[in-house]
N, C-alpha and C. Protein backbone atom coordinates (compact mmCIF):
# COMPACT_ATOMS: atom_id res chain seq x y z
N MET A 1 1.39 -25.70 -0.54
CA MET A 1 0.89 -24.89 -1.62
C MET A 1 1.67 -25.25 -2.88
N ARG A 2 0.96 -25.60 -3.91
CA ARG A 2 1.67 -26.00 -5.13
C ARG A 2 1.63 -24.89 -6.18
N LYS A 3 2.63 -24.87 -7.03
CA LYS A 3 2.69 -23.89 -8.11
C LYS A 3 2.21 -24.56 -9.39
N ILE A 4 1.45 -23.79 -10.17
CA ILE A 4 0.95 -24.32 -11.44
C ILE A 4 1.28 -23.33 -12.55
N ASP A 5 1.33 -23.85 -13.78
CA ASP A 5 1.60 -22.96 -14.91
C ASP A 5 0.30 -22.32 -15.40
N ILE A 6 0.42 -21.40 -16.33
CA ILE A 6 -0.73 -20.61 -16.81
C ILE A 6 -1.78 -21.51 -17.45
N ASP A 7 -1.35 -22.47 -18.24
CA ASP A 7 -2.32 -23.35 -18.91
C ASP A 7 -3.13 -24.15 -17.90
N GLU A 8 -2.48 -24.71 -16.90
CA GLU A 8 -3.19 -25.46 -15.87
C GLU A 8 -4.10 -24.54 -15.07
N TYR A 9 -3.63 -23.33 -14.81
CA TYR A 9 -4.44 -22.35 -14.09
C TYR A 9 -5.74 -22.08 -14.83
N ARG A 10 -5.62 -21.80 -16.13
CA ARG A 10 -6.81 -21.51 -16.92
C ARG A 10 -7.74 -22.71 -17.00
N GLN A 11 -7.18 -23.89 -17.09
CA GLN A 11 -8.00 -25.10 -17.14
C GLN A 11 -8.79 -25.28 -15.85
N ILE A 12 -8.17 -24.99 -14.73
CA ILE A 12 -8.84 -25.15 -13.42
C ILE A 12 -9.92 -24.08 -13.23
N PHE A 13 -9.61 -22.83 -13.58
CA PHE A 13 -10.50 -21.72 -13.24
C PHE A 13 -11.44 -21.28 -14.37
N LEU A 14 -11.23 -21.76 -15.60
CA LEU A 14 -12.07 -21.34 -16.71
C LEU A 14 -13.55 -21.58 -16.45
N PRO A 15 -13.94 -22.73 -15.91
CA PRO A 15 -15.37 -22.92 -15.65
C PRO A 15 -15.92 -22.01 -14.55
N HIS A 16 -15.06 -21.43 -13.76
CA HIS A 16 -15.49 -20.62 -12.61
C HIS A 16 -14.94 -19.20 -12.66
N THR A 17 -14.71 -18.68 -13.84
CA THR A 17 -13.99 -17.41 -13.99
C THR A 17 -14.65 -16.26 -13.23
N GLU A 18 -15.94 -16.06 -13.39
CA GLU A 18 -16.60 -14.93 -12.74
C GLU A 18 -16.53 -15.03 -11.22
N LYS A 19 -16.81 -16.21 -10.69
CA LYS A 19 -16.76 -16.40 -9.23
C LYS A 19 -15.33 -16.25 -8.72
N ALA A 20 -14.38 -16.84 -9.46
CA ALA A 20 -12.98 -16.75 -9.05
C ALA A 20 -12.48 -15.30 -9.10
N LEU A 21 -12.90 -14.55 -10.12
CA LEU A 21 -12.50 -13.14 -10.22
C LEU A 21 -13.04 -12.34 -9.04
N GLN A 22 -14.31 -12.54 -8.72
CA GLN A 22 -14.91 -11.83 -7.59
C GLN A 22 -14.18 -12.18 -6.28
N LEU A 23 -13.88 -13.45 -6.11
CA LEU A 23 -13.18 -13.89 -4.90
C LEU A 23 -11.77 -13.32 -4.84
N ALA A 24 -11.08 -13.30 -5.98
CA ALA A 24 -9.72 -12.74 -6.03
C ALA A 24 -9.74 -11.25 -5.67
N HIS A 25 -10.73 -10.52 -6.19
CA HIS A 25 -10.86 -9.09 -5.83
C HIS A 25 -11.12 -8.93 -4.33
N ASP A 26 -12.02 -9.75 -3.80
CA ASP A 26 -12.35 -9.66 -2.38
C ASP A 26 -11.15 -9.98 -1.49
N ILE A 27 -10.42 -11.03 -1.84
CA ILE A 27 -9.25 -11.41 -1.04
C ILE A 27 -8.17 -10.34 -1.15
N ARG A 28 -7.99 -9.76 -2.33
CA ARG A 28 -7.02 -8.68 -2.51
C ARG A 28 -7.38 -7.50 -1.61
N LYS A 29 -8.66 -7.10 -1.60
CA LYS A 29 -9.10 -6.00 -0.73
C LYS A 29 -8.87 -6.36 0.74
N PHE A 30 -9.14 -7.61 1.10
CA PHE A 30 -8.92 -8.09 2.47
C PHE A 30 -7.44 -8.00 2.84
N GLU A 31 -6.55 -8.40 1.92
CA GLU A 31 -5.10 -8.32 2.17
C GLU A 31 -4.65 -6.87 2.37
N ILE A 32 -5.20 -5.95 1.56
CA ILE A 32 -4.84 -4.54 1.71
C ILE A 32 -5.31 -4.01 3.06
N ASP A 33 -6.52 -4.39 3.45
CA ASP A 33 -7.04 -3.98 4.75
C ASP A 33 -6.16 -4.51 5.88
N LEU A 34 -5.78 -5.78 5.79
CA LEU A 34 -4.87 -6.36 6.80
C LEU A 34 -3.52 -5.66 6.82
N TYR A 35 -3.03 -5.30 5.64
CA TYR A 35 -1.74 -4.62 5.55
C TYR A 35 -1.74 -3.35 6.39
N TRP A 36 -2.78 -2.52 6.24
CA TRP A 36 -2.82 -1.26 6.97
C TRP A 36 -3.13 -1.46 8.45
N LYS A 37 -3.89 -2.49 8.80
CA LYS A 37 -4.09 -2.81 10.23
C LYS A 37 -2.78 -3.23 10.87
N ARG A 38 -2.01 -4.05 10.17
CA ARG A 38 -0.70 -4.47 10.70
C ARG A 38 0.24 -3.28 10.82
N ALA A 39 0.21 -2.40 9.83
CA ALA A 39 1.07 -1.22 9.88
C ALA A 39 0.73 -0.36 11.10
N THR A 40 -0.56 -0.19 11.35
CA THR A 40 -0.99 0.60 12.52
C THR A 40 -0.52 -0.05 13.81
N TYR A 41 -0.60 -1.37 13.88
CA TYR A 41 -0.13 -2.12 15.05
C TYR A 41 1.35 -1.84 15.29
N PHE A 42 2.15 -1.95 14.24
CA PHE A 42 3.59 -1.72 14.41
C PHE A 42 3.89 -0.25 14.69
N TRP A 43 3.18 0.69 14.03
CA TRP A 43 3.40 2.11 14.30
C TRP A 43 3.18 2.41 15.78
N THR A 44 2.15 1.81 16.35
CA THR A 44 1.84 2.05 17.76
C THR A 44 2.98 1.58 18.66
N PHE A 45 3.44 0.35 18.45
CA PHE A 45 4.53 -0.17 19.28
C PHE A 45 5.83 0.61 19.07
N ILE A 46 6.12 0.98 17.84
CA ILE A 46 7.36 1.70 17.56
C ILE A 46 7.30 3.11 18.16
N ALA A 47 6.16 3.77 18.07
CA ALA A 47 6.00 5.09 18.70
C ALA A 47 6.17 4.98 20.21
N ALA A 48 5.62 3.94 20.79
CA ALA A 48 5.76 3.73 22.25
C ALA A 48 7.22 3.49 22.62
N THR A 49 7.94 2.72 21.80
CA THR A 49 9.35 2.47 22.13
C THR A 49 10.19 3.73 21.95
N PHE A 50 9.89 4.54 20.95
CA PHE A 50 10.60 5.82 20.80
C PHE A 50 10.31 6.72 22.01
N ALA A 51 9.05 6.78 22.42
CA ALA A 51 8.70 7.58 23.59
C ALA A 51 9.43 7.07 24.82
N GLY A 52 9.46 5.77 25.00
CA GLY A 52 10.17 5.18 26.12
C GLY A 52 11.66 5.46 26.06
N TYR A 53 12.22 5.35 24.89
CA TYR A 53 13.65 5.60 24.72
C TYR A 53 14.01 7.02 25.14
N PHE A 54 13.25 8.01 24.64
CA PHE A 54 13.57 9.40 24.97
C PHE A 54 13.20 9.75 26.41
N ALA A 55 12.22 9.06 26.97
CA ALA A 55 11.84 9.33 28.36
C ALA A 55 12.91 8.85 29.34
N ILE A 56 13.59 7.76 29.02
CA ILE A 56 14.58 7.22 29.96
C ILE A 56 16.01 7.68 29.68
N GLN A 57 16.17 8.59 28.72
CA GLN A 57 17.50 9.09 28.40
C GLN A 57 18.10 9.91 29.54
N ALA A 58 17.25 10.58 30.30
CA ALA A 58 17.77 11.42 31.38
C ALA A 58 18.49 10.59 32.43
N GLY A 59 17.94 9.42 32.72
CA GLY A 59 18.59 8.53 33.68
C GLY A 59 19.74 7.80 33.01
N ASN A 60 20.46 7.08 33.80
CA ASN A 60 21.59 6.34 33.25
C ASN A 60 21.37 4.85 33.48
N ASP A 61 20.13 4.41 33.29
CA ASP A 61 19.77 3.01 33.50
C ASP A 61 20.11 2.21 32.25
N PHE A 62 21.26 1.59 32.28
CA PHE A 62 21.80 0.84 31.14
C PHE A 62 20.82 -0.23 30.67
N ALA A 63 20.31 -1.02 31.57
CA ALA A 63 19.44 -2.15 31.20
C ALA A 63 18.15 -1.68 30.54
N SER A 64 17.52 -0.66 31.09
CA SER A 64 16.26 -0.17 30.51
C SER A 64 16.46 0.38 29.10
N VAL A 65 17.50 1.17 28.92
CA VAL A 65 17.77 1.73 27.60
C VAL A 65 18.08 0.61 26.61
N TYR A 66 18.84 -0.37 27.05
CA TYR A 66 19.19 -1.49 26.18
C TYR A 66 17.95 -2.28 25.78
N VAL A 67 17.07 -2.56 26.72
CA VAL A 67 15.84 -3.31 26.42
C VAL A 67 14.96 -2.51 25.45
N VAL A 68 14.79 -1.22 25.70
CA VAL A 68 13.92 -0.40 24.86
C VAL A 68 14.49 -0.29 23.44
N THR A 69 15.80 -0.09 23.30
CA THR A 69 16.37 0.01 21.96
C THR A 69 16.28 -1.32 21.22
N CYS A 70 16.49 -2.41 21.92
CA CYS A 70 16.36 -3.72 21.28
C CYS A 70 14.91 -3.99 20.86
N LEU A 71 13.95 -3.62 21.71
CA LEU A 71 12.54 -3.77 21.34
C LEU A 71 12.20 -2.90 20.14
N GLY A 72 12.67 -1.67 20.12
CA GLY A 72 12.42 -0.79 18.98
C GLY A 72 12.99 -1.37 17.69
N PHE A 73 14.21 -1.92 17.79
CA PHE A 73 14.81 -2.54 16.62
C PHE A 73 14.00 -3.75 16.16
N LEU A 74 13.60 -4.61 17.10
CA LEU A 74 12.84 -5.82 16.74
C LEU A 74 11.47 -5.48 16.16
N PHE A 75 10.76 -4.52 16.76
CA PHE A 75 9.46 -4.12 16.20
C PHE A 75 9.63 -3.54 14.80
N SER A 76 10.67 -2.74 14.60
CA SER A 76 10.89 -2.13 13.29
C SER A 76 11.27 -3.17 12.24
N LEU A 77 12.12 -4.09 12.62
CA LEU A 77 12.50 -5.17 11.70
C LEU A 77 11.29 -6.06 11.39
N GLY A 78 10.50 -6.34 12.41
CA GLY A 78 9.27 -7.11 12.20
C GLY A 78 8.33 -6.38 11.27
N TRP A 79 8.19 -5.08 11.45
CA TRP A 79 7.33 -4.26 10.59
C TRP A 79 7.79 -4.37 9.13
N TYR A 80 9.10 -4.28 8.92
CA TYR A 80 9.66 -4.38 7.57
C TYR A 80 9.33 -5.73 6.94
N TYR A 81 9.55 -6.81 7.69
CA TYR A 81 9.29 -8.15 7.13
C TYR A 81 7.80 -8.41 6.94
N VAL A 82 6.97 -7.95 7.84
CA VAL A 82 5.52 -8.11 7.67
C VAL A 82 5.05 -7.33 6.43
N ASN A 83 5.60 -6.15 6.21
CA ASN A 83 5.26 -5.39 5.00
C ASN A 83 5.61 -6.17 3.74
N ARG A 84 6.80 -6.75 3.72
CA ARG A 84 7.22 -7.52 2.55
C ARG A 84 6.34 -8.74 2.35
N GLY A 85 6.00 -9.43 3.44
CA GLY A 85 5.12 -10.59 3.32
C GLY A 85 3.73 -10.22 2.86
N SER A 86 3.19 -9.13 3.41
CA SER A 86 1.87 -8.66 2.99
C SER A 86 1.87 -8.26 1.52
N GLY A 87 2.94 -7.61 1.08
CA GLY A 87 3.05 -7.22 -0.32
C GLY A 87 3.08 -8.42 -1.24
N ALA A 88 3.74 -9.49 -0.81
CA ALA A 88 3.80 -10.70 -1.63
C ALA A 88 2.40 -11.30 -1.81
N TRP A 89 1.62 -11.33 -0.73
CA TRP A 89 0.27 -11.87 -0.84
C TRP A 89 -0.64 -10.97 -1.66
N GLN A 90 -0.47 -9.67 -1.52
CA GLN A 90 -1.27 -8.74 -2.33
C GLN A 90 -0.95 -8.93 -3.81
N GLU A 91 0.34 -9.05 -4.14
CA GLU A 91 0.73 -9.28 -5.53
C GLU A 91 0.18 -10.60 -6.05
N ASN A 92 0.15 -11.62 -5.18
CA ASN A 92 -0.40 -12.91 -5.59
C ASN A 92 -1.84 -12.74 -6.06
N TRP A 93 -2.65 -12.04 -5.29
CA TRP A 93 -4.06 -11.87 -5.65
C TRP A 93 -4.24 -10.93 -6.82
N GLU A 94 -3.32 -9.97 -6.99
CA GLU A 94 -3.36 -9.11 -8.17
C GLU A 94 -3.08 -9.92 -9.44
N LYS A 95 -2.18 -10.89 -9.33
CA LYS A 95 -1.91 -11.77 -10.49
C LYS A 95 -3.13 -12.61 -10.82
N HIS A 96 -3.84 -13.07 -9.81
CA HIS A 96 -5.09 -13.80 -10.06
C HIS A 96 -6.07 -12.91 -10.83
N VAL A 97 -6.23 -11.67 -10.38
CA VAL A 97 -7.15 -10.75 -11.05
C VAL A 97 -6.69 -10.53 -12.49
N ASP A 98 -5.38 -10.34 -12.70
CA ASP A 98 -4.85 -10.14 -14.05
C ASP A 98 -5.19 -11.31 -14.97
N LEU A 99 -5.07 -12.52 -14.45
CA LEU A 99 -5.33 -13.70 -15.28
C LEU A 99 -6.81 -13.96 -15.52
N LEU A 100 -7.65 -13.56 -14.59
CA LEU A 100 -9.07 -13.89 -14.68
C LEU A 100 -9.93 -12.81 -15.33
N GLU A 101 -9.49 -11.56 -15.31
CA GLU A 101 -10.39 -10.47 -15.68
C GLU A 101 -10.69 -10.35 -17.17
N ASP A 102 -9.80 -10.75 -18.03
CA ASP A 102 -9.97 -10.50 -19.46
C ASP A 102 -11.29 -11.04 -20.01
N GLY A 103 -11.66 -12.25 -19.62
CA GLY A 103 -12.89 -12.85 -20.13
C GLY A 103 -14.15 -12.31 -19.50
N VAL A 104 -14.03 -11.61 -18.37
CA VAL A 104 -15.21 -11.11 -17.66
C VAL A 104 -15.39 -9.61 -17.88
N THR A 105 -14.37 -8.83 -17.60
CA THR A 105 -14.48 -7.36 -17.67
C THR A 105 -13.55 -6.75 -18.70
N GLY A 106 -12.73 -7.54 -19.34
CA GLY A 106 -11.67 -7.00 -20.19
C GLY A 106 -10.50 -6.61 -19.30
N PRO A 107 -9.47 -6.00 -19.86
CA PRO A 107 -8.27 -5.68 -19.07
C PRO A 107 -8.42 -4.43 -18.20
N LEU A 108 -9.52 -4.33 -17.48
CA LEU A 108 -9.82 -3.15 -16.68
C LEU A 108 -8.77 -2.91 -15.59
N TYR A 109 -8.45 -3.93 -14.84
CA TYR A 109 -7.55 -3.78 -13.69
C TYR A 109 -6.13 -3.42 -14.11
N LYS A 110 -5.69 -3.95 -15.25
CA LYS A 110 -4.31 -3.71 -15.67
C LYS A 110 -4.15 -2.55 -16.66
N THR A 111 -5.18 -1.74 -16.80
CA THR A 111 -5.12 -0.60 -17.72
C THR A 111 -4.99 0.70 -16.93
N LEU A 112 -3.99 1.50 -17.28
CA LEU A 112 -3.77 2.80 -16.65
C LEU A 112 -4.06 3.88 -17.68
N LEU A 113 -4.97 4.75 -17.37
CA LEU A 113 -5.33 5.82 -18.29
C LEU A 113 -4.48 7.06 -18.05
N ASP A 114 -3.96 7.63 -19.12
CA ASP A 114 -3.32 8.94 -19.09
C ASP A 114 -2.23 9.08 -18.02
N ASN A 115 -1.28 8.16 -18.03
CA ASN A 115 -0.20 8.28 -17.04
C ASN A 115 0.82 9.35 -17.45
N LYS A 116 0.67 9.96 -18.62
CA LYS A 116 1.57 11.04 -19.04
C LYS A 116 1.35 12.31 -18.21
N SER A 117 0.17 12.41 -17.60
CA SER A 117 -0.11 13.61 -16.81
C SER A 117 0.59 13.56 -15.44
N TYR A 118 1.14 12.41 -15.05
CA TYR A 118 1.85 12.30 -13.77
C TYR A 118 3.27 12.82 -13.95
N ARG A 119 3.58 13.90 -13.26
CA ARG A 119 4.91 14.51 -13.35
C ARG A 119 5.52 14.57 -11.95
N PRO A 120 6.56 13.82 -11.71
CA PRO A 120 7.13 13.79 -10.35
C PRO A 120 7.67 15.15 -9.90
N TRP A 121 8.09 15.98 -10.81
CA TRP A 121 8.66 17.28 -10.44
C TRP A 121 7.59 18.32 -10.12
N ASP A 122 6.32 18.05 -10.48
CA ASP A 122 5.22 18.95 -10.14
C ASP A 122 4.71 18.55 -8.75
N LEU A 123 5.18 19.23 -7.73
CA LEU A 123 4.94 18.82 -6.35
C LEU A 123 3.49 18.96 -5.90
N LEU A 124 2.66 19.65 -6.66
CA LEU A 124 1.27 19.84 -6.27
C LEU A 124 0.30 18.96 -7.07
N SER A 125 0.81 18.17 -7.98
CA SER A 125 -0.06 17.30 -8.77
C SER A 125 0.10 15.84 -8.29
N PRO A 126 -0.86 14.99 -8.64
CA PRO A 126 -0.75 13.59 -8.22
C PRO A 126 0.41 12.89 -8.91
N TYR A 127 0.89 11.86 -8.28
CA TYR A 127 1.93 11.01 -8.87
C TYR A 127 1.70 9.59 -8.38
N SER A 128 2.06 8.63 -9.18
CA SER A 128 1.74 7.24 -8.86
C SER A 128 2.79 6.58 -7.95
N PHE A 129 3.05 7.20 -6.81
CA PHE A 129 3.91 6.57 -5.81
C PHE A 129 3.15 5.37 -5.22
N SER A 130 3.87 4.37 -4.80
CA SER A 130 3.26 3.22 -4.17
C SER A 130 3.28 3.41 -2.65
N PRO A 131 2.11 3.54 -2.01
CA PRO A 131 2.09 3.70 -0.56
C PRO A 131 2.76 2.53 0.18
N SER A 132 2.59 1.32 -0.33
CA SER A 132 3.21 0.17 0.35
C SER A 132 4.73 0.20 0.20
N ARG A 133 5.24 0.63 -0.93
CA ARG A 133 6.70 0.74 -1.08
C ARG A 133 7.27 1.85 -0.21
N ILE A 134 6.54 2.95 -0.11
CA ILE A 134 6.96 4.03 0.78
C ILE A 134 6.98 3.52 2.22
N ASN A 135 5.96 2.75 2.59
CA ASN A 135 5.88 2.18 3.93
C ASN A 135 7.05 1.21 4.18
N ASN A 136 7.41 0.40 3.17
CA ASN A 136 8.56 -0.49 3.30
C ASN A 136 9.85 0.29 3.51
N LEU A 137 10.02 1.35 2.73
CA LEU A 137 11.21 2.18 2.87
C LEU A 137 11.26 2.84 4.24
N LEU A 138 10.12 3.30 4.70
CA LEU A 138 10.04 3.91 6.03
C LEU A 138 10.38 2.89 7.12
N ALA A 139 9.86 1.67 6.99
CA ALA A 139 10.15 0.62 7.97
C ALA A 139 11.64 0.31 8.00
N LEU A 140 12.26 0.21 6.83
CA LEU A 140 13.69 -0.07 6.77
C LEU A 140 14.49 1.08 7.37
N THR A 141 14.07 2.31 7.10
CA THR A 141 14.75 3.49 7.64
C THR A 141 14.65 3.52 9.17
N VAL A 142 13.47 3.25 9.71
CA VAL A 142 13.30 3.24 11.17
C VAL A 142 14.14 2.12 11.80
N THR A 143 14.23 0.98 11.12
CA THR A 143 15.07 -0.11 11.61
C THR A 143 16.53 0.34 11.68
N ILE A 144 16.99 1.03 10.67
CA ILE A 144 18.37 1.54 10.65
C ILE A 144 18.56 2.59 11.74
N VAL A 145 17.56 3.44 11.96
CA VAL A 145 17.64 4.44 13.03
C VAL A 145 17.84 3.74 14.38
N TRP A 146 17.08 2.67 14.63
CA TRP A 146 17.25 1.94 15.90
C TRP A 146 18.66 1.35 16.00
N LEU A 147 19.18 0.81 14.91
CA LEU A 147 20.55 0.29 14.94
C LEU A 147 21.55 1.40 15.26
N LEU A 148 21.34 2.57 14.67
CA LEU A 148 22.23 3.70 14.95
C LEU A 148 22.11 4.15 16.41
N LEU A 149 20.89 4.15 16.95
CA LEU A 149 20.71 4.50 18.36
C LEU A 149 21.39 3.49 19.27
N ILE A 150 21.28 2.21 18.92
CA ILE A 150 21.96 1.17 19.71
C ILE A 150 23.46 1.38 19.66
N TYR A 151 23.98 1.62 18.46
CA TYR A 151 25.42 1.81 18.33
C TYR A 151 25.87 3.09 19.04
N ALA A 152 25.12 4.18 18.88
CA ALA A 152 25.51 5.45 19.50
C ALA A 152 25.54 5.32 21.02
N ARG A 153 24.61 4.57 21.56
CA ARG A 153 24.53 4.44 23.02
C ARG A 153 25.48 3.38 23.57
N PHE A 154 25.63 2.27 22.86
CA PHE A 154 26.37 1.13 23.41
C PHE A 154 27.59 0.71 22.60
N GLY A 155 27.81 1.33 21.46
CA GLY A 155 28.90 0.91 20.58
C GLY A 155 30.28 1.06 21.17
N LYS A 156 30.47 2.06 22.01
CA LYS A 156 31.78 2.30 22.58
C LYS A 156 32.00 1.54 23.89
N LEU A 157 30.94 0.94 24.40
CA LEU A 157 31.06 0.17 25.63
C LEU A 157 31.38 -1.28 25.30
N ASN A 158 32.08 -1.93 26.18
CA ASN A 158 32.36 -3.35 25.99
C ASN A 158 31.25 -4.12 26.71
N ILE A 159 30.12 -4.28 26.03
CA ILE A 159 28.97 -4.91 26.69
C ILE A 159 28.89 -6.40 26.38
N ILE A 160 29.72 -6.88 25.47
CA ILE A 160 29.62 -8.29 25.09
C ILE A 160 30.03 -9.20 26.24
N SER A 161 31.11 -8.90 26.91
CA SER A 161 31.58 -9.77 28.00
C SER A 161 30.57 -9.91 29.12
N PRO A 162 29.99 -8.81 29.65
CA PRO A 162 28.99 -8.99 30.70
C PRO A 162 27.76 -9.76 30.21
N LEU A 163 27.35 -9.53 28.96
CA LEU A 163 26.19 -10.26 28.43
C LEU A 163 26.50 -11.74 28.29
N GLN A 164 27.70 -12.06 27.82
CA GLN A 164 28.08 -13.46 27.69
C GLN A 164 28.10 -14.12 29.07
N PHE A 165 28.60 -13.41 30.07
CA PHE A 165 28.62 -13.96 31.42
C PHE A 165 27.20 -14.22 31.92
N GLN A 166 26.29 -13.25 31.72
CA GLN A 166 24.92 -13.42 32.19
C GLN A 166 24.23 -14.56 31.47
N ILE A 167 24.43 -14.67 30.16
CA ILE A 167 23.80 -15.76 29.40
C ILE A 167 24.33 -17.10 29.88
N SER A 168 25.66 -17.23 30.02
CA SER A 168 26.22 -18.51 30.44
C SER A 168 25.83 -18.82 31.89
N HIS A 169 25.68 -17.78 32.72
CA HIS A 169 25.26 -17.96 34.11
C HIS A 169 23.86 -18.57 34.19
N PHE A 170 22.96 -18.13 33.30
CA PHE A 170 21.60 -18.64 33.32
C PHE A 170 21.46 -19.96 32.57
N LEU A 171 22.27 -20.18 31.55
CA LEU A 171 22.16 -21.40 30.75
C LEU A 171 22.87 -22.59 31.37
N SER A 172 23.93 -22.38 32.12
CA SER A 172 24.71 -23.50 32.64
C SER A 172 23.89 -24.44 33.51
N PRO A 173 23.00 -23.97 34.41
CA PRO A 173 22.20 -24.93 35.15
C PRO A 173 21.24 -25.73 34.25
N LEU A 174 20.77 -25.11 33.18
CA LEU A 174 19.88 -25.83 32.26
C LEU A 174 20.60 -26.94 31.52
N LEU A 175 21.89 -26.71 31.22
CA LEU A 175 22.66 -27.70 30.50
C LEU A 175 23.00 -28.90 31.37
N LEU A 176 23.03 -28.71 32.67
CA LEU A 176 23.38 -29.80 33.58
C LEU A 176 22.20 -30.72 33.90
N VAL A 177 20.97 -30.24 33.63
CA VAL A 177 19.78 -31.04 33.91
C VAL A 177 19.65 -32.11 32.84
N PRO A 178 19.53 -33.41 33.26
CA PRO A 178 19.43 -34.49 32.25
C PRO A 178 18.11 -34.50 31.53
């Protein structure tokens, strides 16, 4: 994927502005739809890992709790990174719309009407929070919660030595094979 400057961009897309604008809007909508589908996918796995974590707390099965907490952490971290990647692509297509719309519709997409009426301290009125940024913050918070759960459960145990032994036990035969 190559990067181009504004002048080259306009030169390439000027003959096709209306079609390119429509396509940019469609792809942006598609990216937003994918964003929420991916979020639902991760919410499902993270909810399942939380349920699993709390279900196996009564027992003292070290391995199961360790696997579930690690899966919860990985799903949450993955959710955070997928959110950031999806946001980057959404912003990419929003920039396309910004550059293309002036000659077709005027600055419709980049114009905000009456934003003075948005008051964050008025808890019953609308405010222009970003749902995707809230979702990113939530993903990062859940990732930190999993890290805290891992530390609370295993931080005081010396689990590194047994894990190193198990890893070296399984890897040593692989290293000897030519």
